[in-house]
Protein backbone atom coordinates (compact mmCIF):
# COMPACT_ATOMS: atom_id res chain seq x y z
CA MET A 1 34.43 -3.77 -44.95
CA GLY A 2 31.84 -6.97 -45.88
CA VAL A 3 28.64 -5.92 -47.28
CA PHE A 4 27.07 -7.07 -43.67
CA THR A 5 29.02 -4.78 -41.73
CA LYS A 6 28.65 -2.27 -43.94
CA ILE A 7 24.70 -2.06 -43.52
CA SER A 8 24.60 -3.08 -39.54
CA LYS A 9 27.13 -0.03 -38.83
CA SER A 10 24.82 2.28 -41.41
CA ALA A 11 21.69 0.46 -39.51
CA GLU A 12 23.73 2.24 -36.20
CA LEU A 13 24.30 5.44 -37.83
CA VAL A 14 21.06 5.81 -38.67
CA GLY A 15 19.08 4.39 -35.47
CA GLY A 16 21.85 6.83 -33.52
CA MET A 17 20.83 9.84 -35.71
CA ILE A 18 17.35 9.53 -35.23
CA GLU A 19 17.46 9.04 -31.77
CA ARG A 20 19.97 12.44 -31.18
CA LEU A 21 17.30 14.20 -33.42
CA GLY A 22 14.37 13.11 -30.86
CA THR A 23 12.39 11.47 -33.75
CA ASP A 24 10.75 8.56 -33.92
CA LEU A 25 10.80 6.57 -36.96
CA ALA A 26 7.23 4.40 -35.56
CA GLY A 27 6.14 8.01 -34.93
CA TRP A 28 6.14 8.81 -38.51
CA GLY A 29 4.04 8.26 -41.45
CA ASN A 30 0.71 6.25 -41.50
CA HIS A 31 1.80 3.49 -38.42
CA ASP A 32 2.11 0.93 -41.12
CA PRO A 33 5.01 -1.36 -40.20
CA GLU A 34 5.97 -2.46 -43.67
CA LEU A 35 5.67 0.83 -44.85
CA GLU A 36 7.59 1.84 -41.92
CA ALA A 37 10.22 -0.59 -42.61
CA VAL A 38 10.56 -0.44 -46.28
CA ARG A 39 11.43 3.81 -45.38
CA TYR A 40 14.17 2.54 -42.44
CA ARG A 41 15.48 0.20 -45.25
CA ALA A 42 15.62 3.04 -47.65
CA MET A 43 17.51 5.26 -44.96
CA VAL A 44 19.85 2.47 -44.01
CA MET A 45 20.93 2.19 -47.50
CA ARG A 46 21.58 5.52 -48.58
CA CYS A 47 23.56 5.77 -45.15
CA SER A 48 25.96 2.96 -46.31
CA GLY A 49 26.49 5.31 -49.32
CA CYS A 50 27.96 7.76 -47.38
CA PRO A 51 31.28 8.85 -47.90
CA ASP A 52 31.91 10.37 -44.27
CA GLN A 53 30.17 7.67 -42.31
CA SER A 54 33.63 8.25 -39.59
CA GLY A 55 32.55 12.01 -39.31
CA CYS A 56 29.01 10.64 -38.33
CA ARG A 57 30.26 8.22 -36.03
CA LYS A 58 32.73 11.11 -34.17
CA LEU A 59 29.98 13.13 -34.41
CA GLN A 60 27.39 11.07 -32.50
CA ASP A 61 29.96 10.13 -30.15
CA GLN A 62 30.69 13.52 -29.06
CA ASN A 63 26.90 14.76 -28.77
CA SER A 64 23.77 13.23 -27.30
CA HIS A 65 21.49 15.93 -28.93
CA LEU A 66 21.40 17.59 -32.02
CA ASP A 67 19.41 20.10 -33.66
CA HIS A 68 19.68 18.62 -37.74
CA ALA A 69 21.44 16.11 -39.33
CA PRO A 70 24.69 17.34 -40.59
CA ASP A 71 25.24 18.91 -44.39
CA TYR A 72 26.95 15.41 -45.49
CA CYS A 73 23.97 13.12 -44.18
CA GLN A 74 22.16 11.53 -46.82
CA ASN A 75 18.90 11.19 -44.95
CA ARG A 76 19.31 14.98 -44.11
CA ALA A 77 16.11 15.33 -45.69
CA VAL A 78 13.58 12.65 -44.62
CA LEU A 79 15.24 13.55 -40.77
CA ALA A 80 13.77 17.07 -41.51
CA GLN A 81 10.63 15.85 -42.22
CA MET A 82 10.51 13.50 -39.63
CA LYS A 83 11.38 15.55 -37.07
CA ALA A 84 8.90 18.39 -38.32
CA GLY A 85 6.03 15.77 -38.23
C-alpha cells in the first residue's frame, strides 16, 4: 500500500471514529484552525501506525455509535479527551 493511500485510509478511519463517538474536532480546543489542523494531522499519523486498521474498519462498519474508542486505538486518549470536552 502506498503512503498516500495509507494516509487517506487513516484519515477516513479517524473521521469515522470521531463521528461514531459524537465528538467534534472543530469544537475541541481553542478554535484555532491551524492548531486544529496540526492535531488532526497528528491523529491521522498515529492512526497510520495502527496494527489493526482492518479491525477498526470492521468495528466502524458494524456500529454507527460508539461509547469509546477500542483499546488498541492509537488515538484513544485524545478521543476520550475530546469527548469529555
